[in-house]
Amino acid sequence: MERMSAPAPASASRRVLLAAPRGYCAGVDRAVIAVETALQQYGAPVYVRHEIVHNKYVVQTLEKKGAIFVERTEEVPPGSIVMFSAHGVAPVVHEEAARGRLATIDATCPLVTKVHKEAIRYANEDFDILLIGHEGHEEVIGTSGEAPDHITIVDGPDDVAKVEVRDESKVVWLSQTTLSVDETMETVDALKTKFPLLVSPPSDDICYATSNRQAAVKVMGADSDLVIVVGSKNSSNSIRLVEVALDAGAGAAYLVDFASEIDEGWLEGVTTIGLTSGASVPEVLVEEVLEWLAARGYADVEIVKTAEESIVFSLPKELRRDLRAEAAELVAGGADE
């Protein structure tokens, strides 16, 4: 729940600008609930291939409940349940799971799945696909795996010069969903200069939540002496928020997992602090930072709202199927009594 502070005394000058939207996006919320529901439905352990989302607190919390996170499919014992993370996986991972006789639950964010389907479609039409994204990121690995012979990864504008294609009239760009909007469009512009016939996807691949959080930080960052972004070091969208804040004119910007990581030295000479969180960050961590700041004189909190979000994604189909089956059994059992 967002909170508004009482009006600050006239003598007060320290304040916090709290970005909205911030924190959990629909894809992350779905993925975390999917792990919790699977643990309730099937019991522990439930194996998850890669971190379900890139957040240290979330992963540690789910581990305590019985989730086991692995990096390779072969680490999952035969016959077990394995869930695929929100970042998506390549087709070869599904094949590995089948060979290992694993029951799979696919928690890939639907917006990432959209990019996978676009990659398959354009590969089937024999396009060269220029995938804008960070090499080695799980989402990029998964998308590339859909059409490895057709996809070239472009890691920012500086990569454009070395890009080569077979036919300049059949080239399309796609992107990782968690990138900086501005840098992505800078890369697209550079690609269009090199390949004038470059095709754009039907809709922008960068997810609504990433765009919204960056837009809020642009507004907030312009008025902030310091911006604190709550998020983990391996969270692409959280790292982008730090960059966007600095580009917007913030005096300084830092990424922290927890309030305890904030250096009090950062507050020297600071009157306005901007605060936001990445798309995989639960609100409890933001509340802890607000409490930490309030204890140091930054009790006046102003909400900087730039968008409303109402998107909700349904649980993975495998979970919905088993929950329906359980409900049907309960109904049937009640009818027999």
C-alpha atoms as a PDB file:
ATOM      1  CA  MET A   1       0.000   0.000   0.000  1.00  0.00           C
ATOM      2  CA  GLU A   2       1.355   3.423  -0.913  1.00  0.00           C
ATOM      3  CA  ARG A   3       1.460   5.953   1.849  1.00  0.00           C
ATOM      4  CA  MET A   4       1.355   9.715   1.990  1.00  0.00           C
ATOM      5  CA  SER A   5       2.964  11.507   4.913  1.00  0.00           C
ATOM      6  CA  ALA A   6       1.355  14.236   6.938  1.00  0.00           C
ATOM      7  CA  PRO A   7       2.388  17.749   5.823  1.00  0.00           C
ATOM      8  CA  ALA A   8       5.932  18.499   6.941  1.00  0.00           C
ATOM      9  CA  PRO A   9       6.603  21.410   9.319  1.00  0.00           C
ATOM     10  CA  ALA A  10       7.614  24.608   7.555  1.00  0.00           C
ATOM     11  CA  SER A  11      11.120  24.259   8.971  1.00  0.00           C
ATOM     12  CA  ALA A  12      11.607  20.824   7.455  1.00  0.00           C
ATOM     13  CA  SER A  13      13.527  20.593   4.209  1.00  0.00           C
ATOM     14  CA  ARG A  14      14.382  16.918   3.949  1.00  0.00           C
ATOM     15  CA  ARG A  15      12.023  14.826   1.857  1.00  0.00           C
ATOM     16  CA  VAL A  16      11.679  11.542  -0.036  1.00  0.00           C
ATOM     17  CA  LEU A  17      10.190  11.368  -3.518  1.00  0.00           C
ATOM     18  CA  LEU A  18       8.662   7.894  -3.805  1.00  0.00           C
ATOM     19  CA  ALA A  19       8.220   6.664  -7.370  1.00  0.00           C
ATOM     20  CA  ALA A  20       5.004   5.067  -8.562  1.00  0.00           C
ATOM     21  CA  PRO A  21       4.811   2.630 -10.202  1.00  0.00           C
ATOM     22  CA  ARG A  22       7.631   0.665  -8.579  1.00  0.00           C
ATOM     23  CA  GLY A  23       8.275  -2.899  -7.422  1.00  0.00           C
ATOM     24  CA  TYR A  24       6.542  -6.063  -8.530  1.00  0.00           C
ATOM     25  CA  CYS A  25       5.310  -6.264 -12.105  1.00  0.00           C
ATOM     26  CA  ALA A  26       2.573  -8.701 -13.151  1.00  0.00           C
ATOM     27  CA  GLY A  27       5.063 -11.263 -14.485  1.00  0.00           C
ATOM     28  CA  VAL A  28       7.079 -11.334 -11.269  1.00  0.00           C
ATOM     29  CA  ASP A  29       3.961 -11.484  -9.095  1.00  0.00           C
ATOM     30  CA  ARG A  30       2.717 -14.436 -11.163  1.00  0.00           C
ATOM     31  CA  ALA A  31       6.050 -16.263 -10.933  1.00  0.00           C
ATOM     32  CA  VAL A  32       6.418 -15.869  -7.164  1.00  0.00           C
ATOM     33  CA  ILE A  33       2.822 -16.928  -6.527  1.00  0.00           C
ATOM     34  CA  ALA A  34       3.393 -19.888  -8.864  1.00  0.00           C
ATOM     35  CA  VAL A  35       6.257 -21.196  -6.694  1.00  0.00           C
ATOM     36  CA  GLU A  36       4.252 -20.683  -3.503  1.00  0.00           C
ATOM     37  CA  THR A  37       1.192 -22.385  -5.016  1.00  0.00           C
ATOM     38  CA  ALA A  38       3.266 -25.322  -6.289  1.00  0.00           C
ATOM     39  CA  LEU A  39       4.734 -25.845  -2.821  1.00  0.00           C
ATOM     40  CA  GLN A  40       1.229 -25.863  -1.332  1.00  0.00           C
ATOM     41  CA  GLN A  41      -0.155 -28.101  -4.075  1.00  0.00           C
ATOM     42  CA  TYR A  42       2.603 -30.702  -4.358  1.00  0.00           C
ATOM     43  CA  GLY A  43       4.688 -30.224  -1.212  1.00  0.00           C
ATOM     44  CA  ALA A  44       8.398 -29.537  -0.935  1.00  0.00           C
ATOM     45  CA  PRO A  45      10.725 -29.694  -2.655  1.00  0.00           C
ATOM     46  CA  VAL A  46       9.827 -27.889  -5.861  1.00  0.00           C
ATOM     47  CA  TYR A  47      12.864 -27.341  -8.071  1.00  0.00           C
ATOM     48  CA  VAL A  48      13.229 -24.064  -9.949  1.00  0.00           C
ATOM     49  CA  ARG A  49      15.610 -23.753 -12.866  1.00  0.00           C
ATOM     50  CA  HIS A  50      17.523 -20.544 -12.240  1.00  0.00           C
ATOM     51  CA  GLU A  51      16.337 -17.893  -9.783  1.00  0.00           C
ATOM     52  CA  ILE A  52      12.578 -17.510 -10.286  1.00  0.00           C
ATOM     53  CA  VAL A  53      13.159 -13.737 -10.383  1.00  0.00           C
ATOM     54  CA  HIS A  54      16.326 -11.723  -9.865  1.00  0.00           C
ATOM     55  CA  ASN A  55      15.921 -10.731  -6.252  1.00  0.00           C
ATOM     56  CA  LYS A  56      17.971 -12.003  -3.319  1.00  0.00           C
ATOM     57  CA  TYR A  57      15.213 -11.570  -0.700  1.00  0.00           C
ATOM     58  CA  VAL A  58      12.569 -13.350  -2.792  1.00  0.00           C
ATOM     59  CA  VAL A  59      14.862 -16.287  -3.538  1.00  0.00           C
ATOM     60  CA  GLN A  60      15.907 -16.673   0.102  1.00  0.00           C
ATOM     61  CA  THR A  61      12.271 -16.502   1.261  1.00  0.00           C
ATOM     62  CA  LEU A  62      11.176 -19.195  -1.198  1.00  0.00           C
ATOM     63  CA  GLU A  63      14.127 -21.404  -0.256  1.00  0.00           C
ATOM     64  CA  LYS A  64      12.953 -21.329   3.352  1.00  0.00           C
ATOM     65  CA  LYS A  65       9.555 -22.588   2.159  1.00  0.00           C
ATOM     66  CA  GLY A  66      11.087 -25.537   0.284  1.00  0.00           C
ATOM     67  CA  ALA A  67      12.039 -24.306  -3.177  1.00  0.00           C
ATOM     68  CA  ILE A  68      15.382 -25.523  -4.513  1.00  0.00           C
ATOM     69  CA  PHE A  69      17.044 -23.359  -7.162  1.00  0.00           C
ATOM     70  CA  VAL A  70      19.333 -25.036  -9.692  1.00  0.00           C
ATOM     71  CA  GLU A  71      21.262 -23.758 -12.701  1.00  0.00           C
ATOM     72  CA  ARG A  72      21.154 -26.937 -14.794  1.00  0.00           C
ATOM     73  CA  THR A  73      18.245 -29.239 -15.578  1.00  0.00           C
ATOM     74  CA  GLU A  74      20.446 -32.273 -14.834  1.00  0.00           C
ATOM     75  CA  GLU A  75      20.590 -31.207 -11.173  1.00  0.00           C
ATOM     76  CA  VAL A  76      16.890 -32.064 -10.759  1.00  0.00           C
ATOM     77  CA  PRO A  77      16.251 -35.686  -9.640  1.00  0.00           C
ATOM     78  CA  PRO A  78      14.269 -37.795 -12.160  1.00  0.00           C
ATOM     79  CA  GLY A  79      10.524 -37.692 -11.587  1.00  0.00           C
ATOM     80  CA  SER A  80      10.635 -34.371  -9.741  1.00  0.00           C
ATOM     81  CA  ILE A  81       8.795 -31.121 -10.445  1.00  0.00           C
ATOM     82  CA  VAL A  82      10.811 -28.334 -12.052  1.00  0.00           C
ATOM     83  CA  MET A  83       9.604 -24.804 -12.663  1.00  0.00           C
ATOM     84  CA  PHE A  84      11.067 -22.551 -15.351  1.00  0.00           C
ATOM     85  CA  SER A  85      11.783 -19.005 -14.215  1.00  0.00           C
ATOM     86  CA  ALA A  86      10.078 -15.807 -15.364  1.00  0.00           C
ATOM     87  CA  HIS A  87      12.980 -15.150 -17.756  1.00  0.00           C
ATOM     88  CA  GLY A  88      12.084 -18.074 -20.035  1.00  0.00           C
ATOM     89  CA  VAL A  89      14.160 -20.960 -21.346  1.00  0.00           C
ATOM     90  CA  ALA A  90      15.280 -22.253 -24.730  1.00  0.00           C
ATOM     91  CA  PRO A  91      13.557 -25.277 -26.346  1.00  0.00           C
ATOM     92  CA  VAL A  92      16.577 -27.431 -25.486  1.00  0.00           C
ATOM     93  CA  VAL A  93      15.714 -27.027 -21.786  1.00  0.00           C
ATOM     94  CA  HIS A  94      12.241 -28.470 -22.366  1.00  0.00           C
ATOM     95  CA  GLU A  95      13.924 -31.394 -24.137  1.00  0.00           C
ATOM     96  CA  GLU A  96      16.288 -31.910 -21.189  1.00  0.00           C
ATOM     97  CA  ALA A  97      13.335 -31.972 -18.807  1.00  0.00           C
ATOM     98  CA  ALA A  98      11.537 -34.574 -20.929  1.00  0.00           C
ATOM     99  CA  ARG A  99      14.638 -36.795 -20.974  1.00  0.00           C
ATOM    100  CA  GLY A 100      14.893 -36.477 -17.193  1.00  0.00           C
ATOM    101  CA  ARG A 101      11.222 -37.479 -16.770  1.00  0.00           C
ATOM    102  CA  LEU A 102      10.516 -34.188 -15.023  1.00  0.00           C
ATOM    103  CA  ALA A 103       7.098 -32.632 -14.527  1.00  0.00           C
ATOM    104  CA  THR A 104       7.433 -29.044 -15.722  1.00  0.00           C
ATOM    105  CA  ILE A 105       5.695 -25.808 -14.757  1.00  0.00           C
ATOM    106  CA  ASP A 106       6.463 -22.915 -17.085  1.00  0.00           C
ATOM    107  CA  ALA A 107       6.435 -19.590 -15.209  1.00  0.00           C
ATOM    108  CA  THR A 108       7.883 -17.614 -18.115  1.00  0.00           C
ATOM    109  CA  CYS A 109       6.492 -14.085 -18.131  1.00  0.00           C
ATOM    110  CA  PRO A 110       3.843 -13.843 -20.884  1.00  0.00           C
ATOM    111  CA  LEU A 111       5.616 -10.754 -22.252  1.00  0.00           C
ATOM    112  CA  VAL A 112       8.815 -12.775 -22.647  1.00  0.00           C
ATOM    113  CA  THR A 113       6.812 -15.562 -24.287  1.00  0.00           C
ATOM    114  CA  LYS A 114       5.567 -12.961 -26.777  1.00  0.00           C
ATOM    115  CA  VAL A 115       9.165 -12.231 -27.810  1.00  0.00           C
ATOM    116  CA  HIS A 116       9.861 -15.973 -28.149  1.00  0.00           C
ATOM    117  CA  LYS A 117       6.873 -16.318 -30.477  1.00  0.00           C
ATOM    118  CA  GLU A 118       8.046 -13.350 -32.528  1.00  0.00           C
ATOM    119  CA  ALA A 119      11.486 -14.946 -32.885  1.00  0.00           C
ATOM    120  CA  ILE A 120       9.932 -18.223 -34.073  1.00  0.00           C
ATOM    121  CA  ARG A 121       7.664 -16.437 -36.536  1.00  0.00           C
ATOM    122  CA  TYR A 122      10.413 -14.327 -38.124  1.00  0.00           C
ATOM    123  CA  ALA A 123      12.795 -17.292 -38.261  1.00  0.00           C
ATOM    124  CA  ASN A 124      10.130 -19.292 -40.087  1.00  0.00           C
ATOM    125  CA  GLU A 125       9.920 -16.418 -42.577  1.00  0.00           C
ATOM    126  CA  ASP A 126      13.738 -16.610 -42.940  1.00  0.00           C
ATOM    127  CA  PHE A 127      14.475 -13.173 -41.494  1.00  0.00           C
ATOM    128  CA  ASP A 128      17.752 -12.307 -39.843  1.00  0.00           C
ATOM    129  CA  ILE A 129      16.764 -11.334 -36.288  1.00  0.00           C
ATOM    130  CA  LEU A 130      18.784  -8.702 -34.440  1.00  0.00           C
ATOM    131  CA  LEU A 131      18.089  -9.285 -30.743  1.00  0.00           C
ATOM    132  CA  ILE A 132      18.942  -6.196 -28.696  1.00  0.00           C
ATOM    133  CA  GLY A 133      19.992  -7.376 -25.264  1.00  0.00           C
ATOM    134  CA  HIS A 134      22.778  -8.315 -22.908  1.00  0.00           C
ATOM    135  CA  GLU A 135      24.709 -11.415 -23.888  1.00  0.00           C
ATOM    136  CA  GLY A 136      24.567 -14.027 -21.124  1.00  0.00           C
ATOM    137  CA  HIS A 137      21.316 -12.759 -19.584  1.00  0.00           C
ATOM    138  CA  GLU A 138      18.883 -15.642 -19.040  1.00  0.00           C
ATOM    139  CA  GLU A 139      16.143 -13.991 -21.079  1.00  0.00           C
ATOM    140  CA  VAL A 140      18.463 -13.458 -24.050  1.00  0.00           C
ATOM    141  CA  ILE A 141      19.725 -17.048 -23.817  1.00  0.00           C
ATOM    142  CA  GLY A 142      16.141 -18.325 -23.860  1.00  0.00           C
ATOM    143  CA  THR A 143      15.015 -16.178 -26.785  1.00  0.00           C
ATOM    144  CA  SER A 144      18.161 -16.934 -28.814  1.00  0.00           C
ATOM    145  CA  GLY A 145      17.563 -20.630 -28.300  1.00  0.00           C
ATOM    146  CA  GLU A 146      14.298 -20.419 -30.264  1.00  0.00           C
ATOM    147  CA  ALA A 147      16.143 -19.662 -33.512  1.00  0.00           C
ATOM    148  CA  PRO A 148      19.922 -19.803 -32.993  1.00  0.00           C
ATOM    149  CA  ASP A 149      20.689 -19.852 -36.720  1.00  0.00           C
ATOM    150  CA  HIS A 150      18.736 -16.650 -37.334  1.00  0.00           C
ATOM    151  CA  ILE A 151      19.510 -14.525 -34.260  1.00  0.00           C
ATOM    152  CA  THR A 152      22.384 -12.108 -33.730  1.00  0.00           C
ATOM    153  CA  ILE A 153      22.688 -10.441 -30.330  1.00  0.00           C
ATOM    154  CA  VAL A 154      23.265  -6.682 -30.403  1.00  0.00           C
ATOM    155  CA  ASP A 155      24.464  -5.468 -27.000  1.00  0.00           C
ATOM    156  CA  GLY A 156      23.922  -1.737 -27.420  1.00  0.00           C
ATOM    157  CA  PRO A 157      24.713   0.934 -30.049  1.00  0.00           C
ATOM    158  CA  ASP A 158      28.442   0.173 -30.044  1.00  0.00           C
ATOM    159  CA  ASP A 159      27.731  -3.338 -31.345  1.00  0.00           C
ATOM    160  CA  VAL A 160      25.953  -2.140 -34.489  1.00  0.00           C
ATOM    161  CA  ALA A 161      29.068  -1.570 -36.601  1.00  0.00           C
ATOM    162  CA  LYS A 162      30.023  -5.250 -36.548  1.00  0.00           C
ATOM    163  CA  VAL A 163      26.543  -6.618 -37.329  1.00  0.00           C
ATOM    164  CA  GLU A 164      26.275  -8.512 -40.613  1.00  0.00           C
ATOM    165  CA  VAL A 165      23.163  -9.958 -42.255  1.00  0.00           C
ATOM    166  CA  ARG A 166      22.446 -12.183 -45.247  1.00  0.00           C
ATOM    167  CA  ASP A 167      19.806 -10.024 -46.895  1.00  0.00           C
ATOM    168  CA  GLU A 168      19.290  -6.370 -45.894  1.00  0.00           C
ATOM    169  CA  SER A 169      15.687  -6.534 -47.095  1.00  0.00           C
ATOM    170  CA  LYS A 170      14.820  -9.258 -44.544  1.00  0.00           C
ATOM    171  CA  VAL A 171      16.028  -7.963 -41.188  1.00  0.00           C
ATOM    172  CA  VAL A 172      13.956  -7.439 -38.027  1.00  0.00           C
ATOM    173  CA  TRP A 173      14.828  -6.266 -34.519  1.00  0.00           C
ATOM    174  CA  LEU A 174      13.543  -7.690 -31.239  1.00  0.00           C
ATOM    175  CA  SER A 175      14.671  -6.851 -27.714  1.00  0.00           C
ATOM    176  CA  GLN A 176      15.116  -8.094 -24.202  1.00  0.00           C
ATOM    177  CA  THR A 177      12.131  -6.879 -22.156  1.00  0.00           C
ATOM    178  CA  THR A 178      14.073  -5.226 -19.308  1.00  0.00           C
ATOM    179  CA  LEU A 179      16.333  -2.786 -21.151  1.00  0.00           C
ATOM    180  CA  SER A 180      16.638   0.974 -20.952  1.00  0.00           C
ATOM    181  CA  VAL A 181      13.985   2.369 -23.281  1.00  0.00           C
ATOM    182  CA  ASP A 182      16.214   5.240 -24.405  1.00  0.00           C
ATOM    183  CA  GLU A 183      19.293   3.106 -25.049  1.00  0.00           C
ATOM    184  CA  THR A 184      17.228   0.526 -26.924  1.00  0.00           C
ATOM    185  CA  MET A 185      15.818   3.173 -29.251  1.00  0.00           C
ATOM    186  CA  GLU A 186      19.334   4.567 -29.719  1.00  0.00           C
ATOM    187  CA  THR A 187      20.404   1.082 -30.815  1.00  0.00           C
ATOM    188  CA  VAL A 188      17.373   0.767 -33.096  1.00  0.00           C
ATOM    189  CA  ASP A 189      18.159   4.136 -34.704  1.00  0.00           C
ATOM    190  CA  ALA A 190      21.739   3.028 -35.351  1.00  0.00           C
ATOM    191  CA  LEU A 191      20.505  -0.241 -36.857  1.00  0.00           C
ATOM    192  CA  LYS A 192      18.043   1.624 -39.092  1.00  0.00           C
ATOM    193  CA  THR A 193      20.857   3.848 -40.340  1.00  0.00           C
ATOM    194  CA  LYS A 194      22.840   0.755 -41.289  1.00  0.00           C
ATOM    195  CA  PHE A 195      19.835  -1.259 -42.513  1.00  0.00           C
ATOM    196  CA  PRO A 196      17.200   1.189 -43.875  1.00  0.00           C
ATOM    197  CA  LEU A 197      14.717  -1.652 -44.512  1.00  0.00           C
ATOM    198  CA  LEU A 198      14.892  -2.888 -40.917  1.00  0.00           C
ATOM    199  CA  VAL A 199      11.510  -4.227 -39.761  1.00  0.00           C
ATOM    200  CA  SER A 200      10.165  -3.400 -36.296  1.00  0.00           C
ATOM    201  CA  PRO A 201       8.140  -5.918 -34.249  1.00  0.00           C
ATOM    202  CA  PRO A 202       4.349  -5.450 -34.103  1.00  0.00           C
ATOM    203  CA  SER A 203       4.719  -3.847 -30.657  1.00  0.00           C
ATOM    204  CA  ASP A 204       7.635  -2.674 -28.550  1.00  0.00           C
ATOM    205  CA  ASP A 205       9.217  -5.646 -26.757  1.00  0.00           C
ATOM    206  CA  ILE A 206      10.264  -3.686 -23.663  1.00  0.00           C
ATOM    207  CA  CYS A 207       7.659  -4.550 -21.057  1.00  0.00           C
ATOM    208  CA  TYR A 208       5.122  -2.023 -19.794  1.00  0.00           C
ATOM    209  CA  ALA A 209       6.472  -2.273 -16.242  1.00  0.00           C
ATOM    210  CA  THR A 210      10.054  -1.546 -17.279  1.00  0.00           C
ATOM    211  CA  SER A 211       8.900   1.481 -19.292  1.00  0.00           C
ATOM    212  CA  ASN A 212       6.652   2.760 -16.496  1.00  0.00           C
ATOM    213  CA  ARG A 213       9.316   2.457 -13.807  1.00  0.00           C
ATOM    214  CA  GLN A 214      11.857   4.255 -15.954  1.00  0.00           C
ATOM    215  CA  ALA A 215       9.372   7.047 -16.735  1.00  0.00           C
ATOM    216  CA  ALA A 216       8.712   7.597 -13.028  1.00  0.00           C
ATOM    217  CA  VAL A 217      12.437   7.683 -12.267  1.00  0.00           C
ATOM    218  CA  LYS A 218      13.033  10.260 -15.003  1.00  0.00           C
ATOM    219  CA  VAL A 219      10.567  12.627 -13.324  1.00  0.00           C
ATOM    220  CA  MET A 220      11.721  11.851  -9.798  1.00  0.00           C
ATOM    221  CA  GLY A 221      15.432  11.792 -10.611  1.00  0.00           C
ATOM    222  CA  ALA A 222      15.385  15.283 -12.087  1.00  0.00           C
ATOM    223  CA  ASP A 223      14.455  16.678  -8.640  1.00  0.00           C
ATOM    224  CA  SER A 224      16.633  14.379  -6.504  1.00  0.00           C
ATOM    225  CA  ASP A 225      20.041  14.967  -4.959  1.00  0.00           C
ATOM    226  CA  LEU A 226      20.268  11.209  -4.394  1.00  0.00           C
ATOM    227  CA  VAL A 227      18.298   8.280  -5.816  1.00  0.00           C
ATOM    228  CA  ILE A 228      18.151   4.919  -4.055  1.00  0.00           C
ATOM    229  CA  VAL A 229      17.004   1.961  -6.165  1.00  0.00           C
ATOM    230  CA  VAL A 230      16.051  -1.157  -4.223  1.00  0.00           C
ATOM    231  CA  GLY A 231      17.007  -4.209  -6.258  1.00  0.00           C
ATOM    232  CA  SER A 232      19.584  -6.951  -6.699  1.00  0.00           C
ATOM    233  CA  LYS A 233      22.861  -6.652  -8.585  1.00  0.00           C
ATOM    234  CA  ASN A 234      21.788  -9.296 -11.131  1.00  0.00           C
ATOM    235  CA  SER A 235      18.498  -7.533 -11.906  1.00  0.00           C
ATOM    236  CA  SER A 236      18.772  -5.947 -15.342  1.00  0.00           C
ATOM    237  CA  ASN A 237      15.754  -3.672 -14.904  1.00  0.00           C
ATOM    238  CA  SER A 238      17.004  -2.466 -11.492  1.00  0.00           C
ATOM    239  CA  ILE A 239      20.432  -1.594 -12.887  1.00  0.00           C
ATOM    240  CA  ARG A 240      18.727   0.336 -15.688  1.00  0.00           C
ATOM    241  CA  LEU A 241      16.825   2.409 -13.097  1.00  0.00           C
ATOM    242  CA  VAL A 242      20.130   3.591 -11.609  1.00  0.00           C
ATOM    243  CA  GLU A 243      21.336   4.603 -15.077  1.00  0.00           C
ATOM    244  CA  VAL A 244      18.067   6.366 -15.902  1.00  0.00           C
ATOM    245  CA  ALA A 245      18.197   8.310 -12.620  1.00  0.00           C
ATOM    246  CA  LEU A 246      21.706   9.565 -13.357  1.00  0.00           C
ATOM    247  CA  ASP A 247      20.768  10.468 -16.931  1.00  0.00           C
ATOM    248  CA  ALA A 248      17.758  12.402 -15.575  1.00  0.00           C
ATOM    249  CA  GLY A 249      20.054  14.596 -13.475  1.00  0.00           C
ATOM    250  CA  ALA A 250      20.151  12.927 -10.064  1.00  0.00           C
ATOM    251  CA  GLY A 251      23.222  13.963  -8.085  1.00  0.00           C
ATOM    252  CA  ALA A 252      23.990  10.323  -7.280  1.00  0.00           C
ATOM    253  CA  ALA A 253      22.223   6.963  -7.548  1.00  0.00           C
ATOM    254  CA  TYR A 254      22.846   3.647  -5.833  1.00  0.00           C
ATOM    255  CA  LEU A 255      21.453   0.111  -5.981  1.00  0.00           C
ATOM    256  CA  VAL A 256      20.839  -1.708  -2.686  1.00  0.00           C
ATOM    257  CA  ASP A 257      19.164  -4.979  -1.748  1.00  0.00           C
ATOM    258  CA  PHE A 258      18.344  -3.885   1.800  1.00  0.00           C
ATOM    259  CA  ALA A 259      18.175  -0.714   3.892  1.00  0.00           C
ATOM    260  CA  SER A 260      21.200  -1.950   5.830  1.00  0.00           C
ATOM    261  CA  GLU A 261      23.335  -1.480   2.709  1.00  0.00           C
ATOM    262  CA  ILE A 262      22.736   2.280   2.573  1.00  0.00           C
ATOM    263  CA  ASP A 263      25.837   4.293   3.472  1.00  0.00           C
ATOM    264  CA  GLU A 264      25.000   7.221   5.746  1.00  0.00           C
ATOM    265  CA  GLY A 265      27.752   9.148   3.989  1.00  0.00           C
ATOM    266  CA  TRP A 266      25.530   9.262   0.908  1.00  0.00           C
ATOM    267  CA  LEU A 267      23.159  11.579   2.810  1.00  0.00           C
ATOM    268  CA  GLU A 268      25.685  14.353   3.392  1.00  0.00           C
ATOM    269  CA  GLY A 269      24.301  17.598   2.002  1.00  0.00           C
ATOM    270  CA  VAL A 270      21.240  15.814   0.591  1.00  0.00           C
ATOM    271  CA  THR A 271      17.783  17.321   1.039  1.00  0.00           C
ATOM    272  CA  THR A 272      15.782  15.363  -1.564  1.00  0.00           C
ATOM    273  CA  ILE A 273      16.061  11.576  -1.933  1.00  0.00           C
ATOM    274  CA  GLY A 274      14.340   9.696  -4.735  1.00  0.00           C
ATOM    275  CA  LEU A 275      13.304   6.131  -3.944  1.00  0.00           C
ATOM    276  CA  THR A 276      12.132   3.362  -6.255  1.00  0.00           C
ATOM    277  CA  SER A 277      12.463  -0.384  -6.682  1.00  0.00           C
ATOM    278  CA  GLY A 278      12.977  -2.854  -9.503  1.00  0.00           C
ATOM    279  CA  ALA A 279      10.227  -5.008 -10.964  1.00  0.00           C
ATOM    280  CA  SER A 280      11.221  -8.046  -8.874  1.00  0.00           C
ATOM    281  CA  VAL A 281      11.302  -6.261  -5.496  1.00  0.00           C
ATOM    282  CA  PRO A 282       8.598  -6.804  -2.827  1.00  0.00           C
ATOM    283  CA  GLU A 283       7.202  -3.657  -1.198  1.00  0.00           C
ATOM    284  CA  VAL A 284       8.374  -4.716   2.273  1.00  0.00           C
ATOM    285  CA  LEU A 285      11.951  -3.845   1.265  1.00  0.00           C
ATOM    286  CA  VAL A 286      10.902  -0.341   0.189  1.00  0.00           C
ATOM    287  CA  GLU A 287       9.063   0.117   3.501  1.00  0.00           C
ATOM    288  CA  GLU A 288      12.260  -0.793   5.360  1.00  0.00           C
ATOM    289  CA  VAL A 289      14.187   1.882   3.433  1.00  0.00           C
ATOM    290  CA  LEU A 290      11.481   4.472   4.204  1.00  0.00           C
ATOM    291  CA  GLU A 291      11.740   3.632   7.902  1.00  0.00           C
ATOM    292  CA  TRP A 292      15.548   3.859   7.746  1.00  0.00           C
ATOM    293  CA  LEU A 293      15.363   7.266   6.070  1.00  0.00           C
ATOM    294  CA  ALA A 294      12.653   8.546   8.427  1.00  0.00           C
ATOM    295  CA  ALA A 295      14.895   7.716  11.389  1.00  0.00           C
ATOM    296  CA  ARG A 296      17.491  10.034   9.849  1.00  0.00           C
ATOM    297  CA  GLY A 297      15.204  12.971   9.277  1.00  0.00           C
ATOM    298  CA  TYR A 298      13.641  12.119   5.932  1.00  0.00           C
ATOM    299  CA  ALA A 299      10.083  11.556   7.137  1.00  0.00           C
ATOM    300  CA  ASP A 300       8.302  13.720   4.549  1.00  0.00           C
ATOM    301  CA  VAL A 301       7.266  11.374   1.721  1.00  0.00           C
ATOM    302  CA  GLU A 302       5.795  12.589  -1.563  1.00  0.00           C
ATOM    303  CA  ILE A 303       4.447  10.167  -4.169  1.00  0.00           C
ATOM    304  CA  VAL A 304       5.587  10.806  -7.749  1.00  0.00           C
ATOM    305  CA  LYS A 305       3.027   8.927  -9.825  1.00  0.00           C
ATOM    306  CA  THR A 306       3.350   8.752 -13.611  1.00  0.00           C
ATOM    307  CA  ALA A 307       1.155   5.760 -14.502  1.00  0.00           C
ATOM    308  CA  GLU A 308      -1.504   3.371 -13.234  1.00  0.00           C
ATOM    309  CA  GLU A 309      -0.987  -0.386 -13.573  1.00  0.00           C
ATOM    310  CA  SER A 310      -3.794  -2.932 -13.490  1.00  0.00           C
ATOM    311  CA  ILE A 311      -2.385  -5.867 -15.501  1.00  0.00           C
ATOM    312  CA  VAL A 312      -2.686  -9.311 -13.881  1.00  0.00           C
ATOM    313  CA  PHE A 313      -1.502 -12.588 -15.416  1.00  0.00           C
ATOM    314  CA  SER A 314      -3.111 -15.949 -14.648  1.00  0.00           C
ATOM    315  CA  LEU A 315      -1.053 -18.751 -13.109  1.00  0.00           C
ATOM    316  CA  PRO A 316       0.857 -21.161 -15.395  1.00  0.00           C
ATOM    317  CA  LYS A 317      -1.497 -23.558 -17.161  1.00  0.00           C
ATOM    318  CA  GLU A 318      -0.022 -26.624 -15.444  1.00  0.00           C
ATOM    319  CA  LEU A 319      -0.937 -25.230 -12.021  1.00  0.00           C
ATOM    320  CA  ARG A 320      -4.397 -24.137 -13.153  1.00  0.00           C
ATOM    321  CA  ARG A 321      -5.048 -27.642 -14.505  1.00  0.00           C
ATOM    322  CA  ASP A 322      -4.086 -29.378 -11.262  1.00  0.00           C
ATOM    323  CA  LEU A 323      -5.946 -26.862  -9.098  1.00  0.00           C
ATOM    324  CA  ARG A 324      -9.093 -27.420 -11.175  1.00  0.00           C
ATOM    325  CA  ALA A 325      -8.685 -31.189 -10.853  1.00  0.00           C
ATOM    326  CA  GLU A 326      -8.326 -30.894  -7.082  1.00  0.00           C
ATOM    327  CA  ALA A 327     -11.402 -28.669  -6.875  1.00  0.00           C
ATOM    328  CA  ALA A 328     -13.385 -31.138  -8.963  1.00  0.00           C
ATOM    329  CA  GLU A 329     -12.391 -33.998  -6.635  1.00  0.00           C
ATOM    330  CA  LEU A 330     -13.490 -32.006  -3.608  1.00  0.00           C
ATOM    331  CA  VAL A 331     -16.854 -31.252  -5.216  1.00  0.00           C
ATOM    332  CA  ALA A 332     -17.317 -34.888  -6.193  1.00  0.00           C
ATOM    333  CA  GLY A 333     -16.373 -36.019  -2.705  1.00  0.00           C
ATOM    334  CA  GLY A 334     -18.908 -33.645  -1.173  1.00  0.00           C
ATOM    335  CA  ALA A 335     -21.626 -34.924  -3.499  1.00  0.00           C
ATOM    336  CA  ASP A 336     -20.972 -38.512  -2.417  1.00  0.00           C
ATOM    337  CA  GLU A 337     -21.458 -37.736   1.276  1.00  0.00           C
END
